[in-house]
C-alpha atoms as a PDB file:
ATOM      1  CA  UNK A   1       6.942  12.127 -13.519  1.00  0.00           C
ATOM      2  CA  UNK A   2       6.511  12.328 -17.297  1.00  0.00           C
ATOM      3  CA  UNK A   3       9.156  15.028 -17.533  1.00  0.00           C
ATOM      4  CA  UNK A   4      11.564  13.034 -15.381  1.00  0.00           C
ATOM      5  CA  UNK A   5      11.006   9.858 -17.374  1.00  0.00           C
ATOM      6  CA  UNK A   6      11.506  11.699 -20.664  1.00  0.00           C
ATOM      7  CA  UNK A   7      14.622  13.454 -19.369  1.00  0.00           C
ATOM      8  CA  UNK A   8      16.234  10.178 -18.436  1.00  0.00           C
ATOM      9  CA  UNK A   9      15.289   8.390 -21.629  1.00  0.00           C
ATOM     10  CA  UNK A  10      12.616   6.055 -20.322  1.00  0.00           C
ATOM     11  CA  UNK A  11       8.965   5.655 -21.212  1.00  0.00           C
ATOM     12  CA  UNK A  12       6.751   7.318 -18.641  1.00  0.00           C
ATOM     13  CA  UNK A  13       4.244   4.488 -18.682  1.00  0.00           C
ATOM     14  CA  UNK A  14       6.854   2.223 -17.117  1.00  0.00           C
ATOM     15  CA  UNK A  15       6.782   4.238 -13.889  1.00  0.00           C
ATOM     16  CA  UNK A  16       3.755   3.615 -11.690  1.00  0.00           C
ATOM     17  CA  UNK A  17       2.561   6.289  -9.277  1.00  0.00           C
ATOM     18  CA  UNK A  18       1.663   4.882  -5.854  1.00  0.00           C
ATOM     19  CA  UNK A  19      -0.434   7.568  -4.143  1.00  0.00           C
ATOM     20  CA  UNK A  20       0.342   7.306  -0.427  1.00  0.00           C
ATOM     21  CA  UNK A  21      -3.005   7.829   1.265  1.00  0.00           C
ATOM     22  CA  UNK A  22      -2.028   6.927   4.821  1.00  0.00           C
ATOM     23  CA  UNK A  23      -3.735   9.073   7.515  1.00  0.00           C
ATOM     24  CA  UNK A  24      -6.152  10.558   4.965  1.00  0.00           C
ATOM     25  CA  UNK A  25      -9.867   9.665   5.117  1.00  0.00           C
ATOM     26  CA  UNK A  26     -11.930   8.393   2.232  1.00  0.00           C
ATOM     27  CA  UNK A  27     -13.334  11.821   1.397  1.00  0.00           C
ATOM     28  CA  UNK A  28      -9.792  13.089   0.731  1.00  0.00           C
ATOM     29  CA  UNK A  29      -8.940  10.065  -1.407  1.00  0.00           C
ATOM     30  CA  UNK A  30     -12.081  10.121  -3.552  1.00  0.00           C
ATOM     31  CA  UNK A  31     -11.010  13.123  -5.699  1.00  0.00           C
ATOM     32  CA  UNK A  32      -7.913  11.211  -6.842  1.00  0.00           C
ATOM     33  CA  UNK A  33     -10.036   8.164  -7.618  1.00  0.00           C
ATOM     34  CA  UNK A  34     -12.448  10.354  -9.573  1.00  0.00           C
ATOM     35  CA  UNK A  35      -9.486  11.733 -11.520  1.00  0.00           C
ATOM     36  CA  UNK A  36      -8.460   8.211 -12.528  1.00  0.00           C
ATOM     37  CA  UNK A  37      -5.709   7.346 -10.040  1.00  0.00           C
ATOM     38  CA  UNK A  38      -5.962   3.660  -9.141  1.00  0.00           C
ATOM     39  CA  UNK A  39      -2.762   2.700  -7.298  1.00  0.00           C
ATOM     40  CA  UNK A  40      -2.563   3.624  -3.613  1.00  0.00           C
ATOM     41  CA  UNK A  41      -0.263   2.876  -0.688  1.00  0.00           C
ATOM     42  CA  UNK A  42      -1.126   2.461   2.971  1.00  0.00           C
ATOM     43  CA  UNK A  43       1.174   2.025   5.965  1.00  0.00           C
ATOM     44  CA  UNK A  44      -1.113   0.303   8.450  1.00  0.00           C
ATOM     45  CA  UNK A  45      -3.335  -2.703   7.928  1.00  0.00           C
ATOM     46  CA  UNK A  46      -5.985  -1.611  10.427  1.00  0.00           C
ATOM     47  CA  UNK A  47      -6.283   1.873   8.972  1.00  0.00           C
ATOM     48  CA  UNK A  48      -6.638   0.441   5.468  1.00  0.00           C
ATOM     49  CA  UNK A  49      -9.271  -2.065   6.598  1.00  0.00           C
ATOM     50  CA  UNK A  50     -11.315   0.839   7.949  1.00  0.00           C
ATOM     51  CA  UNK A  51     -11.593   2.720   4.648  1.00  0.00           C
ATOM     52  CA  UNK A  52     -10.541   0.739   1.587  1.00  0.00           C
ATOM     53  CA  UNK A  53     -13.209  -2.005   1.343  1.00  0.00           C
ATOM     54  CA  UNK A  54     -15.816   0.714   0.817  1.00  0.00           C
ATOM     55  CA  UNK A  55     -13.645   2.608  -1.683  1.00  0.00           C
ATOM     56  CA  UNK A  56     -12.827  -0.563  -3.608  1.00  0.00           C
ATOM     57  CA  UNK A  57     -16.542  -1.327  -3.828  1.00  0.00           C
ATOM     58  CA  UNK A  58     -17.197   2.113  -5.353  1.00  0.00           C
ATOM     59  CA  UNK A  59     -14.249   2.286  -7.754  1.00  0.00           C
ATOM     60  CA  UNK A  60     -13.152  -0.496 -10.098  1.00  0.00           C
ATOM     61  CA  UNK A  61      -9.531  -1.377 -10.714  1.00  0.00           C
ATOM     62  CA  UNK A  62      -7.975  -0.199  -7.451  1.00  0.00           C
ATOM     63  CA  UNK A  63      -4.534  -1.677  -6.724  1.00  0.00           C
ATOM     64  CA  UNK A  64      -3.702  -1.323  -3.038  1.00  0.00           C
ATOM     65  CA  UNK A  65      -0.103  -1.584  -1.815  1.00  0.00           C
ATOM     66  CA  UNK A  66       1.013  -2.155   1.764  1.00  0.00           C
ATOM     67  CA  UNK A  67       4.091   0.033   2.178  1.00  0.00           C
ATOM     68  CA  UNK A  68       4.456  -0.079   5.965  1.00  0.00           C
ATOM     69  CA  UNK A  69       5.677  -2.794   8.346  1.00  0.00           C
ATOM     70  CA  UNK A  70       3.601  -5.964   8.455  1.00  0.00           C
ATOM     71  CA  UNK A  71       3.189  -7.803  11.748  1.00  0.00           C
ATOM     72  CA  UNK A  72       2.661 -11.536  11.422  1.00  0.00           C
ATOM     73  CA  UNK A  73      -0.632 -11.363  13.342  1.00  0.00           C
ATOM     74  CA  UNK A  74      -1.978  -9.018  10.629  1.00  0.00           C
ATOM     75  CA  UNK A  75      -1.040 -11.223   7.678  1.00  0.00           C
ATOM     76  CA  UNK A  76      -4.525 -12.677   7.172  1.00  0.00           C
ATOM     77  CA  UNK A  77      -6.135  -9.234   7.003  1.00  0.00           C
ATOM     78  CA  UNK A  78      -3.355  -7.921   4.775  1.00  0.00           C
ATOM     79  CA  UNK A  79      -3.664 -10.779   2.296  1.00  0.00           C
ATOM     80  CA  UNK A  80      -7.424 -10.298   2.219  1.00  0.00           C
ATOM     81  CA  UNK A  81      -7.249  -6.592   1.363  1.00  0.00           C
ATOM     82  CA  UNK A  82      -3.968  -5.700  -0.331  1.00  0.00           C
ATOM     83  CA  UNK A  83      -3.007  -6.486  -3.902  1.00  0.00           C
ATOM     84  CA  UNK A  84       0.719  -5.915  -3.379  1.00  0.00           C
ATOM     85  CA  UNK A  85       2.811  -6.140  -0.202  1.00  0.00           C
ATOM     86  CA  UNK A  86       6.055  -4.151  -0.510  1.00  0.00           C
ATOM     87  CA  UNK A  87       7.483  -4.815   2.949  1.00  0.00           C
ATOM     88  CA  UNK A  88       8.526  -8.460   3.160  1.00  0.00           C
ATOM     89  CA  UNK A  89      11.542  -8.057   5.426  1.00  0.00           C
ATOM     90  CA  UNK A  90      12.234 -11.241   7.411  1.00  0.00           C
ATOM     91  CA  UNK A  91      12.148 -15.023   7.322  1.00  0.00           C
ATOM     92  CA  UNK A  92       9.308 -15.457   9.818  1.00  0.00           C
ATOM     93  CA  UNK A  93       7.059 -13.162   7.794  1.00  0.00           C
ATOM     94  CA  UNK A  94       7.876 -15.130   4.639  1.00  0.00           C
ATOM     95  CA  UNK A  95       6.788 -18.352   6.344  1.00  0.00           C
ATOM     96  CA  UNK A  96       3.515 -16.876   7.624  1.00  0.00           C
ATOM     97  CA  UNK A  97       2.722 -15.300   4.258  1.00  0.00           C
ATOM     98  CA  UNK A  98       3.400 -18.569   2.462  1.00  0.00           C
ATOM     99  CA  UNK A  99       1.063 -20.451   4.777  1.00  0.00           C
ATOM    100  CA  UNK A 100      -1.731 -17.886   4.452  1.00  0.00           C
ATOM    101  CA  UNK A 101      -1.433 -17.602   0.682  1.00  0.00           C
ATOM    102  CA  UNK A 102      -1.423 -21.375   0.326  1.00  0.00           C
ATOM    103  CA  UNK A 103      -4.591 -21.604   2.394  1.00  0.00           C
ATOM    104  CA  UNK A 104      -6.434 -18.940   0.431  1.00  0.00           C
ATOM    105  CA  UNK A 105      -5.186 -19.789  -3.036  1.00  0.00           C
ATOM    106  CA  UNK A 106      -4.208 -16.153  -3.662  1.00  0.00           C
ATOM    107  CA  UNK A 107      -0.972 -15.269  -5.405  1.00  0.00           C
ATOM    108  CA  UNK A 108      -0.224 -11.611  -4.735  1.00  0.00           C
ATOM    109  CA  UNK A 109       2.882  -9.690  -5.752  1.00  0.00           C
ATOM    110  CA  UNK A 110       5.494  -9.244  -3.040  1.00  0.00           C
ATOM    111  CA  UNK A 111       8.427  -6.856  -2.814  1.00  0.00           C
ATOM    112  CA  UNK A 112      11.362  -7.484  -0.498  1.00  0.00           C
ATOM    113  CA  UNK A 113      12.202  -4.420   1.589  1.00  0.00           C
ATOM    114  CA  UNK A 114      15.934  -3.747   1.705  1.00  0.00           C
ATOM    115  CA  UNK A 115      17.472  -1.662   4.497  1.00  0.00           C
ATOM    116  CA  UNK A 116      19.649  -0.011   1.900  1.00  0.00           C
ATOM    117  CA  UNK A 117      21.406   2.327   4.353  1.00  0.00           C
ATOM    118  CA  UNK A 118      21.769  -0.265   7.140  1.00  0.00           C
ATOM    119  CA  UNK A 119      19.910   2.077   9.504  1.00  0.00           C
ATOM    120  CA  UNK A 120      19.055   0.452  12.852  1.00  0.00           C
ATOM    121  CA  UNK A 121      15.678   2.204  13.110  1.00  0.00           C
ATOM    122  CA  UNK A 122      14.475   0.908   9.748  1.00  0.00           C
ATOM    123  CA  UNK A 123      13.130  -2.468   8.716  1.00  0.00           C
ATOM    124  CA  UNK A 124      14.524  -4.465   5.842  1.00  0.00           C
ATOM    125  CA  UNK A 125      16.945  -7.124   4.740  1.00  0.00           C
ATOM    126  CA  UNK A 126      20.608  -6.115   4.672  1.00  0.00           C
ATOM    127  CA  UNK A 127      21.768  -5.404   1.110  1.00  0.00           C
ATOM    128  CA  UNK A 128      24.379  -8.178   1.175  1.00  0.00           C
ATOM    129  CA  UNK A 129      21.678 -10.691   2.134  1.00  0.00           C
ATOM    130  CA  UNK A 130      18.964  -9.542  -0.275  1.00  0.00           C
ATOM    131  CA  UNK A 131      19.699 -11.829  -3.231  1.00  0.00           C
ATOM    132  CA  UNK A 132      19.865 -14.951  -1.077  1.00  0.00           C
ATOM    133  CA  UNK A 133      16.679 -13.964   0.758  1.00  0.00           C
ATOM    134  CA  UNK A 134      14.789 -13.502  -2.503  1.00  0.00           C
ATOM    135  CA  UNK A 135      15.936 -16.963  -3.611  1.00  0.00           C
ATOM    136  CA  UNK A 136      14.785 -18.563  -0.346  1.00  0.00           C
ATOM    137  CA  UNK A 137      11.420 -16.832  -0.543  1.00  0.00           C
ATOM    138  CA  UNK A 138      10.904 -18.233  -4.004  1.00  0.00           C
ATOM    139  CA  UNK A 139      12.438 -21.683  -3.689  1.00  0.00           C
ATOM    140  CA  UNK A 140      11.569 -22.620  -0.102  1.00  0.00           C
ATOM    141  CA  UNK A 141       8.342 -20.676   0.449  1.00  0.00           C
ATOM    142  CA  UNK A 142       6.951 -20.480  -3.091  1.00  0.00           C
ATOM    143  CA  UNK A 143       6.339 -16.746  -2.848  1.00  0.00           C
ATOM    144  CA  UNK A 144       5.805 -14.505  -5.859  1.00  0.00           C
ATOM    145  CA  UNK A 145       8.652 -12.037  -5.372  1.00  0.00           C
ATOM    146  CA  UNK A 146       8.440  -9.415  -8.106  1.00  0.00           C
ATOM    147  CA  UNK A 147      10.554  -6.513  -6.858  1.00  0.00           C
ATOM    148  CA  UNK A 148      12.597  -4.706  -4.232  1.00  0.00           C
ATOM    149  CA  UNK A 149      11.704  -1.666  -2.129  1.00  0.00           C
ATOM    150  CA  UNK A 150      13.838   0.753  -0.105  1.00  0.00           C
ATOM    151  CA  UNK A 151      13.830   4.034   1.798  1.00  0.00           C
ATOM    152  CA  UNK A 152      17.278   5.688   1.650  1.00  0.00           C
ATOM    153  CA  UNK A 153      18.759   7.662   4.557  1.00  0.00           C
ATOM    154  CA  UNK A 154      16.998  11.005   4.845  1.00  0.00           C
ATOM    155  CA  UNK A 155      20.145  13.077   5.353  1.00  0.00           C
ATOM    156  CA  UNK A 156      22.181  11.727   2.434  1.00  0.00           C
ATOM    157  CA  UNK A 157      22.029  11.949  -1.354  1.00  0.00           C
ATOM    158  CA  UNK A 158      19.646   9.176  -2.450  1.00  0.00           C
ATOM    159  CA  UNK A 159      21.188   8.427  -5.848  1.00  0.00           C
ATOM    160  CA  UNK A 160      23.858   5.942  -4.756  1.00  0.00           C
ATOM    161  CA  UNK A 161      21.331   4.036  -2.643  1.00  0.00           C
ATOM    162  CA  UNK A 162      18.837   3.836  -5.502  1.00  0.00           C
ATOM    163  CA  UNK A 163      21.617   2.682  -7.820  1.00  0.00           C
ATOM    164  CA  UNK A 164      22.583  -0.072  -5.409  1.00  0.00           C
ATOM    165  CA  UNK A 165      18.979  -1.268  -5.123  1.00  0.00           C
ATOM    166  CA  UNK A 166      18.778  -1.414  -8.912  1.00  0.00           C
ATOM    167  CA  UNK A 167      21.932  -3.523  -8.955  1.00  0.00           C
ATOM    168  CA  UNK A 168      20.539  -5.890  -6.330  1.00  0.00           C
ATOM    169  CA  UNK A 169      17.331  -6.287  -8.322  1.00  0.00           C
ATOM    170  CA  UNK A 170      19.316  -7.162 -11.420  1.00  0.00           C
ATOM    171  CA  UNK A 171      21.326  -9.748  -9.468  1.00  0.00           C
ATOM    172  CA  UNK A 172      18.099 -11.304  -8.178  1.00  0.00           C
ATOM    173  CA  UNK A 173      16.403 -11.301 -11.582  1.00  0.00           C
ATOM    174  CA  UNK A 174      13.733  -8.800 -10.528  1.00  0.00           C
ATOM    175  CA  UNK A 175      12.278  -6.081 -12.757  1.00  0.00           C
ATOM    176  CA  UNK A 176      10.311  -3.957 -10.281  1.00  0.00           C
ATOM    177  CA  UNK A 177      11.823  -1.274  -8.055  1.00  0.00           C
ATOM    178  CA  UNK A 178       9.753   0.682  -5.528  1.00  0.00           C
ATOM    179  CA  UNK A 179      11.906   3.650  -4.603  1.00  0.00           C
ATOM    180  CA  UNK A 180      11.504   7.389  -4.482  1.00  0.00           C
ATOM    181  CA  UNK A 181       9.107   9.594  -2.565  1.00  0.00           C
ATOM    182  CA  UNK A 182       7.918  13.185  -2.891  1.00  0.00           C
ATOM    183  CA  UNK A 183      11.365  14.723  -2.289  1.00  0.00           C
ATOM    184  CA  UNK A 184      13.465  12.413  -4.467  1.00  0.00           C
ATOM    185  CA  UNK A 185      11.249  10.652  -7.011  1.00  0.00           C
ATOM    186  CA  UNK A 186      12.997  12.237 -10.009  1.00  0.00           C
ATOM    187  CA  UNK A 187      16.315  10.772  -8.888  1.00  0.00           C
ATOM    188  CA  UNK A 188      14.623   7.426  -8.354  1.00  0.00           C
ATOM    189  CA  UNK A 189      13.213   7.473 -11.890  1.00  0.00           C
ATOM    190  CA  UNK A 190      16.686   8.252 -13.203  1.00  0.00           C
ATOM    191  CA  UNK A 191      17.966   5.149 -11.410  1.00  0.00           C
ATOM    192  CA  UNK A 192      15.286   2.866 -12.821  1.00  0.00           C
ATOM    193  CA  UNK A 193      12.331   3.063 -10.425  1.00  0.00           C
ATOM    194  CA  UNK A 194       9.192   1.325 -11.663  1.00  0.00           C
ATOM    195  CA  UNK A 195       7.115   2.539  -8.688  1.00  0.00           C
ATOM    196  CA  UNK A 196       7.370   5.870  -6.858  1.00  0.00           C
ATOM    197  CA  UNK A 197       5.479   6.483  -3.622  1.00  0.00           C
ATOM    198  CA  UNK A 198       4.130  10.032  -3.412  1.00  0.00           C
ATOM    199  CA  UNK A 199       2.102  11.339  -0.487  1.00  0.00           C
ATOM    200  CA  UNK A 200       2.641  14.982   0.429  1.00  0.00           C
ATOM    201  CA  UNK A 201       3.103  15.975  -3.226  1.00  0.00           C
ATOM    202  CA  UNK A 202      -0.485  14.808  -3.847  1.00  0.00           C
ATOM    203  CA  UNK A 203      -2.329  15.247  -0.564  1.00  0.00           C
ATOM    204  CA  UNK A 204      -0.365  18.032   1.109  1.00  0.00           C
ATOM    205  CA  UNK A 205       1.341  17.874   4.488  1.00  0.00           C
ATOM    206  CA  UNK A 206      -0.005  15.618   7.192  1.00  0.00           C
ATOM    207  CA  UNK A 207      -1.054  17.077  10.510  1.00  0.00           C
END
């Protein structure tokens, strides 16, 4: 990451590593925590609830990101555990999040997930609707939208998709971009990523 940031003329401390710990138990995560890593990503609320309260109690300064789909019936648990939710992808979820956050008094960072390749199997707001959705989330629901997130099509060059997400973020007045995974994070950094989500590069392949 440092090499990529230096190569593309950006300061490495602007790019945050989100260690994707989904499917891995606490004993596999602890070595990264011992080494100083503090930002982690999980795909499923229930899985995270089963391991992260104990890890957060043992290690100070953990920042936990939800990077998988969020069902509305899991919003209360998600708000209680996660520090950042990267997968706000529809109006109903925005309404439920706003209600829960208002009731708890919390004000967590939220990223809008954009279906940057318009793939039917993936969640996310259509690119052409992203700017208006961000505005509604802020103005109508009072949500703290701080960035955009995407997963580009797996069988295509990711650069143009990352570049488009960066353009959408600029249009919406957002500074944070969660894009890039183990196979393409250097390209993402070149296109302005502030967060890259690395799993297999850190933990190895999943069974």
